[in-house]
Amino acid sequence: EGYKPWRKTLKVKPQIVTEIKNIILIPKDIQTK
């Protein structure tokens, strides 16, 4: 809630764990001054 959704299409292979680390979510409303 309050962040833009993160989305990615990944290919799963036999006997292998596909890792997606260090995901950063971006706020929907970025405040600047």
PDB file of all heavy atoms in Angstrom:
ATOM      1  N   GLU A   1       0.829  -1.203   0.000  1.00  0.00           N
ATOM      2  CA  GLU A   1       0.000   0.000   0.000  1.00  0.00           C
ATOM      3  C   GLU A   1       0.869   1.260   0.000  1.00  0.00           C
ATOM      4  O   GLU A   1       1.815   1.389   0.772  1.00  0.00           O
ATOM      5  CB  GLU A   1      -0.915   0.009   1.231  1.00  0.00           C
ATOM      6  CG  GLU A   1      -1.918   1.142   1.228  1.00  0.00           C
ATOM      7  CD  GLU A   1      -2.867   1.096   2.402  1.00  0.00           C
ATOM      8  OE1 GLU A   1      -2.828   0.098   3.162  1.00  0.00           O
ATOM      9  OE2 GLU A   1      -3.635   2.049   2.578  1.00  0.00           O
ATOM     10  N   GLY A   2       0.564   2.171  -0.899  1.00  0.00           N
ATOM     11  CA  GLY A   2       1.311   3.421  -1.014  1.00  0.00           C
ATOM     12  C   GLY A   2       2.511   3.348  -1.931  1.00  0.00           C
ATOM     13  O   GLY A   2       3.210   4.346  -2.105  1.00  0.00           O
ATOM     14  N   TYR A   3       2.748   2.164  -2.529  1.00  0.00           N
ATOM     15  CA  TYR A   3       3.907   1.981  -3.400  1.00  0.00           C
ATOM     16  C   TYR A   3       3.462   1.444  -4.759  1.00  0.00           C
ATOM     17  O   TYR A   3       2.441   0.767  -4.868  1.00  0.00           O
ATOM     18  CB  TYR A   3       4.915   1.007  -2.779  1.00  0.00           C
ATOM     19  CG  TYR A   3       5.612   1.553  -1.565  1.00  0.00           C
ATOM     20  CD1 TYR A   3       4.977   1.567  -0.327  1.00  0.00           C
ATOM     21  CD2 TYR A   3       6.897   2.074  -1.653  1.00  0.00           C
ATOM     22  CE1 TYR A   3       5.616   2.073   0.796  1.00  0.00           C
ATOM     23  CE2 TYR A   3       7.543   2.586  -0.540  1.00  0.00           C
ATOM     24  CZ  TYR A   3       6.884   2.584   0.689  1.00  0.00           C
ATOM     25  OH  TYR A   3       7.518   3.094   1.796  1.00  0.00           O
ATOM     26  N   LYS A   4       4.277   1.741  -5.773  1.00  0.00           N
ATOM     27  CA  LYS A   4       3.997   1.209  -7.096  1.00  0.00           C
ATOM     28  C   LYS A   4       4.284  -0.289  -7.106  1.00  0.00           C
ATOM     29  O   LYS A   4       5.265  -0.741  -6.501  1.00  0.00           O
ATOM     30  CB  LYS A   4       4.860   1.919  -8.151  1.00  0.00           C
ATOM     31  CG  LYS A   4       4.568   3.400  -8.302  1.00  0.00           C
ATOM     32  CD  LYS A   4       5.469   4.035  -9.343  1.00  0.00           C
ATOM     33  CE  LYS A   4       5.168   5.531  -9.493  1.00  0.00           C
ATOM     34  NZ  LYS A   4       6.030   6.173 -10.500  1.00  0.00           N
ATOM     35  N   PRO A   5       3.441  -1.090  -7.771  1.00  0.00           N
ATOM     36  CA  PRO A   5       3.693  -2.533  -7.803  1.00  0.00           C
ATOM     37  C   PRO A   5       4.961  -2.866  -8.579  1.00  0.00           C
ATOM     38  O   PRO A   5       5.276  -2.224  -9.581  1.00  0.00           O
ATOM     39  CB  PRO A   5       2.444  -3.097  -8.482  1.00  0.00           C
ATOM     40  CG  PRO A   5       1.881  -1.948  -9.267  1.00  0.00           C
ATOM     41  CD  PRO A   5       2.220  -0.709  -8.504  1.00  0.00           C
ATOM     42  N   TRP A   6       5.672  -3.872  -8.097  1.00  0.00           N
ATOM     43  CA  TRP A   6       6.854  -4.396  -8.779  1.00  0.00           C
ATOM     44  C   TRP A   6       6.431  -5.659  -9.515  1.00  0.00           C
ATOM     45  O   TRP A   6       5.754  -6.532  -8.953  1.00  0.00           O
ATOM     46  CB  TRP A   6       7.940  -4.699  -7.761  1.00  0.00           C
ATOM     47  CG  TRP A   6       9.204  -5.286  -8.326  1.00  0.00           C
ATOM     48  CD1 TRP A   6      10.329  -4.611  -8.668  1.00  0.00           C
ATOM     49  CD2 TRP A   6       9.473  -6.669  -8.596  1.00  0.00           C
ATOM     50  NE1 TRP A   6      11.291  -5.480  -9.136  1.00  0.00           N
ATOM     51  CE2 TRP A   6      10.784  -6.769  -9.108  1.00  0.00           C
ATOM     52  CE3 TRP A   6       8.726  -7.841  -8.468  1.00  0.00           C
ATOM     53  CZ2 TRP A   6      11.363  -7.966  -9.472  1.00  0.00           C
ATOM     54  CZ3 TRP A   6       9.300  -9.047  -8.840  1.00  0.00           C
ATOM     55  CH2 TRP A   6      10.610  -9.106  -9.330  1.00  0.00           C
ATOM     56  N   ARG A   7       6.829  -5.781 -10.773  1.00  0.00           N
ATOM     57  CA  ARG A   7       6.366  -6.910 -11.572  1.00  0.00           C
ATOM     58  C   ARG A   7       7.504  -7.408 -12.467  1.00  0.00           C
ATOM     59  O   ARG A   7       8.224  -6.612 -13.066  1.00  0.00           O
ATOM     60  CB  ARG A   7       5.175  -6.496 -12.429  1.00  0.00           C
ATOM     61  CG  ARG A   7       4.512  -7.649 -13.197  1.00  0.00           C
ATOM     62  CD  ARG A   7       3.400  -7.140 -14.092  1.00  0.00           C
ATOM     63  NE  ARG A   7       2.316  -6.511 -13.348  1.00  0.00           N
ATOM     64  CZ  ARG A   7       2.102  -5.192 -13.319  1.00  0.00           C
ATOM     65  NH1 ARG A   7       2.894  -4.374 -13.997  1.00  0.00           N
ATOM     66  NH2 ARG A   7       1.110  -4.680 -12.628  1.00  0.00           N
ATOM     67  N   LYS A   8       7.655  -8.725 -12.541  1.00  0.00           N
ATOM     68  CA  LYS A   8       8.663  -9.295 -13.419  1.00  0.00           C
ATOM     69  C   LYS A   8       8.250 -10.722 -13.796  1.00  0.00           C
ATOM     70  O   LYS A   8       7.722 -11.467 -12.975  1.00  0.00           O
ATOM     71  CB  LYS A   8      10.029  -9.321 -12.742  1.00  0.00           C
ATOM     72  CG  LYS A   8      11.144  -9.871 -13.631  1.00  0.00           C
ATOM     73  CD  LYS A   8      12.501  -9.735 -12.974  1.00  0.00           C
ATOM     74  CE  LYS A   8      13.008  -8.313 -12.998  1.00  0.00           C
ATOM     75  NZ  LYS A   8      14.410  -8.199 -12.569  1.00  0.00           N
ATOM     76  N   THR A   9       8.483 -11.087 -15.057  1.00  0.00           N
ATOM     77  CA  THR A   9       8.219 -12.441 -15.533  1.00  0.00           C
ATOM     78  C   THR A   9       9.504 -13.251 -15.460  1.00  0.00           C
ATOM     79  O   THR A   9      10.535 -12.855 -16.008  1.00  0.00           O
ATOM     80  CB  THR A   9       7.680 -12.428 -16.976  1.00  0.00           C
ATOM     81  OG1 THR A   9       6.451 -11.694 -17.002  1.00  0.00           O
ATOM     82  CG2 THR A   9       7.406 -13.844 -17.457  1.00  0.00           C
ATOM     83  N   LEU A  10       9.445 -14.375 -14.746  1.00  0.00           N
ATOM     84  CA  LEU A  10      10.615 -15.199 -14.492  1.00  0.00           C
ATOM     85  C   LEU A  10      10.420 -16.598 -15.062  1.00  0.00           C
ATOM     86  O   LEU A  10       9.311 -17.130 -15.051  1.00  0.00           O
ATOM     87  CB  LEU A  10      10.879 -15.308 -12.987  1.00  0.00           C
ATOM     88  CG  LEU A  10      11.070 -13.992 -12.241  1.00  0.00           C
ATOM     89  CD1 LEU A  10      11.003 -14.224 -10.753  1.00  0.00           C
ATOM     90  CD2 LEU A  10      12.392 -13.355 -12.618  1.00  0.00           C
ATOM     91  N   LYS A  11      11.505 -17.176 -15.539  1.00  0.00           N
ATOM     92  CA  LYS A  11      11.462 -18.538 -16.056  1.00  0.00           C
ATOM     93  C   LYS A  11      11.979 -19.499 -14.997  1.00  0.00           C
ATOM     94  O   LYS A  11      13.103 -19.372 -14.518  1.00  0.00           O
ATOM     95  CB  LYS A  11      12.309 -18.648 -17.327  1.00  0.00           C
ATOM     96  CG  LYS A  11      12.211 -20.014 -18.002  1.00  0.00           C
ATOM     97  CD  LYS A  11      13.023 -20.058 -19.289  1.00  0.00           C
ATOM     98  CE  LYS A  11      12.900 -21.406 -19.985  1.00  0.00           C
ATOM     99  NZ  LYS A  11      13.670 -21.470 -21.230  1.00  0.00           N
ATOM    100  N   VAL A  12      11.137 -20.459 -14.625  1.00  0.00           N
ATOM    101  CA  VAL A  12      11.519 -21.477 -13.652  1.00  0.00           C
ATOM    102  C   VAL A  12      12.030 -22.704 -14.393  1.00  0.00           C
ATOM    103  O   VAL A  12      11.381 -23.201 -15.319  1.00  0.00           O
ATOM    104  CB  VAL A  12      10.323 -21.851 -12.748  1.00  0.00           C
ATOM    105  CG1 VAL A  12      10.676 -23.034 -11.862  1.00  0.00           C
ATOM    106  CG2 VAL A  12       9.916 -20.662 -11.892  1.00  0.00           C
ATOM    107  N   LYS A  13      13.217 -23.179 -13.981  1.00  0.00           N
ATOM    108  CA  LYS A  13      13.833 -24.346 -14.602  1.00  0.00           C
ATOM    109  C   LYS A  13      13.837 -25.514 -13.609  1.00  0.00           C
ATOM    110  O   LYS A  13      13.808 -25.300 -12.394  1.00  0.00           O
ATOM    111  CB  LYS A  13      15.254 -24.027 -15.044  1.00  0.00           C
ATOM    112  CG  LYS A  13      15.341 -22.926 -16.087  1.00  0.00           C
ATOM    113  CD  LYS A  13      16.789 -22.647 -16.473  1.00  0.00           C
ATOM    114  CE  LYS A  13      16.872 -21.546 -17.520  1.00  0.00           C
ATOM    115  NZ  LYS A  13      18.272 -21.270 -17.907  1.00  0.00           N
ATOM    116  N   PRO A  14      13.883 -26.750 -14.105  1.00  0.00           N
ATOM    117  CA  PRO A  14      13.878 -27.915 -13.212  1.00  0.00           C
ATOM    118  C   PRO A  14      15.069 -27.923 -12.264  1.00  0.00           C
ATOM    119  O   PRO A  14      16.201 -27.654 -12.676  1.00  0.00           O
ATOM    120  CB  PRO A  14      13.953 -29.104 -14.187  1.00  0.00           C
ATOM    121  CG  PRO A  14      13.482 -28.570 -15.493  1.00  0.00           C
ATOM    122  CD  PRO A  14      13.884 -27.137 -15.524  1.00  0.00           C
ATOM    123  N   GLN A  15      14.788 -28.207 -10.988  1.00  0.00           N
ATOM    124  CA  GLN A  15      15.812 -28.361  -9.960  1.00  0.00           C
ATOM    125  C   GLN A  15      16.645 -27.108  -9.717  1.00  0.00           C
ATOM    126  O   GLN A  15      17.734 -27.182  -9.166  1.00  0.00           O
ATOM    127  CB  GLN A  15      16.754 -29.538 -10.301  1.00  0.00           C
ATOM    128  CG  GLN A  15      16.069 -30.886 -10.322  1.00  0.00           C
ATOM    129  CD  GLN A  15      17.049 -31.995 -10.635  1.00  0.00           C
ATOM    130  OE1 GLN A  15      17.429 -32.212 -11.777  1.00  0.00           O
ATOM    131  NE2 GLN A  15      17.460 -32.721  -9.604  1.00  0.00           N
ATOM    132  N   ILE A  16      16.143 -25.952 -10.130  1.00  0.00           N
ATOM    133  CA  ILE A  16      16.861 -24.680  -9.940  1.00  0.00           C
ATOM    134  C   ILE A  16      15.941 -23.686  -9.241  1.00  0.00           C
ATOM    135  O   ILE A  16      14.762 -23.565  -9.582  1.00  0.00           O
ATOM    136  CB  ILE A  16      17.342 -24.102 -11.287  1.00  0.00           C
ATOM    137  CG1 ILE A  16      18.397 -25.019 -11.905  1.00  0.00           C
ATOM    138  CG2 ILE A  16      17.903 -22.689 -11.111  1.00  0.00           C
ATOM    139  CD1 ILE A  16      18.881 -24.572 -13.268  1.00  0.00           C
ATOM    140  N   VAL A  17      16.495 -22.988  -8.259  1.00  0.00           N
ATOM    141  CA  VAL A  17      15.768 -21.914  -7.585  1.00  0.00           C
ATOM    142  C   VAL A  17      16.179 -20.589  -8.214  1.00  0.00           C
ATOM    143  O   VAL A  17      17.353 -20.211  -8.175  1.00  0.00           O
ATOM    144  CB  VAL A  17      16.057 -21.902  -6.070  1.00  0.00           C
ATOM    145  CG1 VAL A  17      15.390 -20.694  -5.416  1.00  0.00           C
ATOM    146  CG2 VAL A  17      15.552 -23.182  -5.420  1.00  0.00           C
ATOM    147  N   THR A  18      15.229 -19.916  -8.826  1.00  0.00           N
ATOM    148  CA  THR A  18      15.476 -18.608  -9.422  1.00  0.00           C
ATOM    149  C   THR A  18      15.385 -17.552  -8.332  1.00  0.00           C
ATOM    150  O   THR A  18      14.370 -17.441  -7.644  1.00  0.00           O
ATOM    151  CB  THR A  18      14.447 -18.308 -10.521  1.00  0.00           C
ATOM    152  OG1 THR A  18      14.529 -19.318 -11.526  1.00  0.00           O
ATOM    153  CG2 THR A  18      14.714 -16.955 -11.164  1.00  0.00           C
ATOM    154  N   GLU A  19      16.470 -16.780  -8.148  1.00  0.00           N
ATOM    155  CA  GLU A  19      16.510 -15.790  -7.072  1.00  0.00           C
ATOM    156  C   GLU A  19      16.198 -14.400  -7.592  1.00  0.00           C
ATOM    157  O   GLU A  19      16.705 -13.991  -8.636  1.00  0.00           O
ATOM    158  CB  GLU A  19      17.887 -15.775  -6.410  1.00  0.00           C
ATOM    159  CG  GLU A  19      18.213 -17.020  -5.614  1.00  0.00           C
ATOM    160  CD  GLU A  19      19.538 -16.889  -4.886  1.00  0.00           C
ATOM    161  OE1 GLU A  19      20.391 -16.105  -5.355  1.00  0.00           O
ATOM    162  OE2 GLU A  19      19.716 -17.539  -3.860  1.00  0.00           O
ATOM    163  N   ILE A  20      15.365 -13.675  -6.875  1.00  0.00           N
ATOM    164  CA  ILE A  20      15.165 -12.241  -7.114  1.00  0.00           C
ATOM    165  C   ILE A  20      15.346 -11.540  -5.774  1.00  0.00           C
ATOM    166  O   ILE A  20      14.495 -11.617  -4.895  1.00  0.00           O
ATOM    167  CB  ILE A  20      13.792 -11.927  -7.751  1.00  0.00           C
ATOM    168  CG1 ILE A  20      12.676 -12.712  -7.073  1.00  0.00           C
ATOM    169  CG2 ILE A  20      13.799 -12.169  -9.220  1.00  0.00           C
ATOM    170  CD1 ILE A  20      11.296 -12.324  -7.563  1.00  0.00           C
ATOM    171  N   LYS A  21      16.499 -10.883  -5.635  1.00  0.00           N
ATOM    172  CA  LYS A  21      16.861 -10.250  -4.370  1.00  0.00           C
ATOM    173  C   LYS A  21      16.864  -8.730  -4.505  1.00  0.00           C
ATOM    174  O   LYS A  21      16.860  -8.182  -5.591  1.00  0.00           O
ATOM    175  CB  LYS A  21      18.244 -10.720  -3.916  1.00  0.00           C
ATOM    176  CG  LYS A  21      18.327 -12.197  -3.583  1.00  0.00           C
ATOM    177  CD  LYS A  21      19.738 -12.536  -3.122  1.00  0.00           C
ATOM    178  CE  LYS A  21      19.866 -13.987  -2.719  1.00  0.00           C
ATOM    179  NZ  LYS A  21      21.239 -14.307  -2.257  1.00  0.00           N
ATOM    180  N   ASN A  22      16.907  -8.094  -3.332  1.00  0.00           N
ATOM    181  CA  ASN A  22      17.109  -6.640  -3.258  1.00  0.00           C
ATOM    182  C   ASN A  22      16.075  -5.870  -4.071  1.00  0.00           C
ATOM    183  O   ASN A  22      16.392  -4.884  -4.746  1.00  0.00           O
ATOM    184  CB  ASN A  22      18.517  -6.271  -3.726  1.00  0.00           C
ATOM    185  CG  ASN A  22      19.589  -7.081  -3.027  1.00  0.00           C
ATOM    186  OD1 ASN A  22      19.690  -7.048  -1.815  1.00  0.00           O
ATOM    187  ND2 ASN A  22      20.352  -7.827  -3.790  1.00  0.00           N
ATOM    188  N   ILE A  23      14.824  -6.315  -4.027  1.00  0.00           N
ATOM    189  CA  ILE A  23      13.745  -5.607  -4.722  1.00  0.00           C
ATOM    190  C   ILE A  23      13.469  -4.289  -3.997  1.00  0.00           C
ATOM    191  O   ILE A  23      13.335  -4.253  -2.777  1.00  0.00           O
ATOM    192  CB  ILE A  23      12.469  -6.464  -4.760  1.00  0.00           C
ATOM    193  CG1 ILE A  23      12.722  -7.760  -5.549  1.00  0.00           C
ATOM    194  CG2 ILE A  23      11.308  -5.691  -5.367  1.00  0.00           C
ATOM    195  CD1 ILE A  23      11.595  -8.758  -5.452  1.00  0.00           C
ATOM    196  N   ILE A  24      13.398  -3.212  -4.752  1.00  0.00           N
ATOM    197  CA  ILE A  24      13.085  -1.894  -4.195  1.00  0.00           C
ATOM    198  C   ILE A  24      11.726  -1.452  -4.715  1.00  0.00           C
ATOM    199  O   ILE A  24      11.481  -1.472  -5.924  1.00  0.00           O
ATOM    200  CB  ILE A  24      14.161  -0.853  -4.571  1.00  0.00           C
ATOM    201  CG1 ILE A  24      15.484  -1.192  -3.867  1.00  0.00           C
ATOM    202  CG2 ILE A  24      13.717   0.548  -4.191  1.00  0.00           C
ATOM    203  CD1 ILE A  24      16.599  -0.220  -4.170  1.00  0.00           C
ATOM    204  N   LEU A  25      10.847  -1.088  -3.809  1.00  0.00           N
ATOM    205  CA  LEU A  25       9.534  -0.566  -4.174  1.00  0.00           C
ATOM    206  C   LEU A  25       9.582   0.959  -4.174  1.00  0.00           C
ATOM    207  O   LEU A  25      10.142   1.576  -3.260  1.00  0.00           O
ATOM    208  CB  LEU A  25       8.464  -1.068  -3.201  1.00  0.00           C
ATOM    209  CG  LEU A  25       8.318  -2.592  -3.087  1.00  0.00           C
ATOM    210  CD1 LEU A  25       7.218  -2.940  -2.090  1.00  0.00           C
ATOM    211  CD2 LEU A  25       8.022  -3.218  -4.436  1.00  0.00           C
ATOM    212  N   ILE A  26       8.989   1.564  -5.185  1.00  0.00           N
ATOM    213  CA  ILE A  26       9.005   3.014  -5.358  1.00  0.00           C
ATOM    214  C   ILE A  26       7.677   3.602  -4.871  1.00  0.00           C
ATOM    215  O   ILE A  26       6.614   3.118  -5.268  1.00  0.00           O
ATOM    216  CB  ILE A  26       9.221   3.401  -6.829  1.00  0.00           C
ATOM    217  CG1 ILE A  26      10.485   2.700  -7.374  1.00  0.00           C
ATOM    218  CG2 ILE A  26       9.322   4.910  -6.997  1.00  0.00           C
ATOM    219  CD1 ILE A  26      11.746   3.087  -6.673  1.00  0.00           C
ATOM    220  N   PRO A  27       7.704   4.630  -4.009  1.00  0.00           N
ATOM    221  CA  PRO A  27       6.455   5.255  -3.562  1.00  0.00           C
ATOM    222  C   PRO A  27       5.647   5.802  -4.742  1.00  0.00           C
ATOM    223  O   PRO A  27       6.219   6.270  -5.732  1.00  0.00           O
ATOM    224  CB  PRO A  27       6.935   6.391  -2.645  1.00  0.00           C
ATOM    225  CG  PRO A  27       8.307   5.983  -2.219  1.00  0.00           C
ATOM    226  CD  PRO A  27       8.891   5.231  -3.379  1.00  0.00           C
ATOM    227  N   LYS A  28       4.329   5.732  -4.623  1.00  0.00           N
ATOM    228  CA  LYS A  28       3.470   6.267  -5.683  1.00  0.00           C
ATOM    229  C   LYS A  28       3.610   7.778  -5.790  1.00  0.00           C
ATOM    230  O   LYS A  28       3.638   8.330  -6.880  1.00  0.00           O
ATOM    231  CB  LYS A  28       2.016   5.885  -5.407  1.00  0.00           C
ATOM    232  CG  LYS A  28       1.706   4.415  -5.607  1.00  0.00           C
ATOM    233  CD  LYS A  28       0.237   4.122  -5.355  1.00  0.00           C
ATOM    234  CE  LYS A  28      -0.078   2.652  -5.600  1.00  0.00           C
ATOM    235  NZ  LYS A  28      -1.508   2.345  -5.323  1.00  0.00           N
ATOM    236  N   ASP A  29       3.666   8.435  -4.657  1.00  0.00           N
ATOM    237  CA  ASP A  29       3.804   9.898  -4.628  1.00  0.00           C
ATOM    238  C   ASP A  29       5.156  10.251  -4.039  1.00  0.00           C
ATOM    239  O   ASP A  29       5.369  10.157  -2.829  1.00  0.00           O
ATOM    240  CB  ASP A  29       2.684  10.540  -3.811  1.00  0.00           C
ATOM    241  CG  ASP A  29       1.314  10.262  -4.404  1.00  0.00           C
ATOM    242  OD1 ASP A  29       1.185  10.330  -5.632  1.00  0.00           O
ATOM    243  OD2 ASP A  29       0.378   9.978  -3.628  1.00  0.00           O
ATOM    244  N   ILE A  30       6.097  10.628  -4.905  1.00  0.00           N
ATOM    245  CA  ILE A  30       7.429  11.015  -4.452  1.00  0.00           C
ATOM    246  C   ILE A  30       7.421  12.500  -4.136  1.00  0.00           C
ATOM    247  O   ILE A  30       7.162  13.338  -5.007  1.00  0.00           O
ATOM    248  CB  ILE A  30       8.487  10.697  -5.518  1.00  0.00           C
ATOM    249  CG1 ILE A  30       8.509   9.189  -5.802  1.00  0.00           C
ATOM    250  CG2 ILE A  30       9.865  11.164  -5.073  1.00  0.00           C
ATOM    251  CD1 ILE A  30       9.462   8.786  -6.889  1.00  0.00           C
ATOM    252  N   GLN A  31       7.686  12.828  -2.873  1.00  0.00           N
ATOM    253  CA  GLN A  31       7.681  14.219  -2.441  1.00  0.00           C
ATOM    254  C   GLN A  31       9.042  14.856  -2.700  1.00  0.00           C
ATOM    255  O   GLN A  31      10.081  14.298  -2.356  1.00  0.00           O
ATOM    256  CB  GLN A  31       7.337  14.308  -0.951  1.00  0.00           C
ATOM    257  CG  GLN A  31       5.981  13.718  -0.583  1.00  0.00           C
ATOM    258  CD  GLN A  31       4.830  14.475  -1.223  1.00  0.00           C
ATOM    259  OE1 GLN A  31       4.877  15.700  -1.361  1.00  0.00           O
ATOM    260  NE2 GLN A  31       3.794  13.745  -1.625  1.00  0.00           N
ATOM    261  N   THR A  32       9.050  15.999  -3.331  1.00  0.00           N
ATOM    262  CA  THR A  32      10.286  16.753  -3.568  1.00  0.00           C
ATOM    263  C   THR A  32      10.151  18.148  -2.978  1.00  0.00           C
ATOM    264  O   THR A  32       9.038  18.660  -2.806  1.00  0.00           O
ATOM    265  CB  THR A  32      10.590  16.877  -5.075  1.00  0.00           C
ATOM    266  OG1 THR A  32       9.519  17.588  -5.712  1.00  0.00           O
ATOM    267  CG2 THR A  32      10.747  15.508  -5.704  1.00  0.00           C
ATOM    268  N   LYS A  33      11.281  18.740  -2.643  1.00  0.00           N
ATOM    269  CA  LYS A  33      11.258  20.105  -2.135  1.00  0.00           C
ATOM    270  C   LYS A  33      12.393  20.891  -2.776  1.00  0.00           C
ATOM    271  O   LYS A  33      13.480  20.357  -3.025  1.00  0.00           O
ATOM    272  CB  LYS A  33      11.383  20.124  -0.609  1.00  0.00           C
ATOM    273  CG  LYS A  33      12.658  19.491  -0.061  1.00  0.00           C
ATOM    274  CD  LYS A  33      12.681  19.519   1.451  1.00  0.00           C
ATOM    275  CE  LYS A  33      13.950  18.868   1.991  1.00  0.00           C
ATOM    276  NZ  LYS A  33      13.985  18.872   3.471  1.00  0.00           N
TER     277      LYS A  33
END
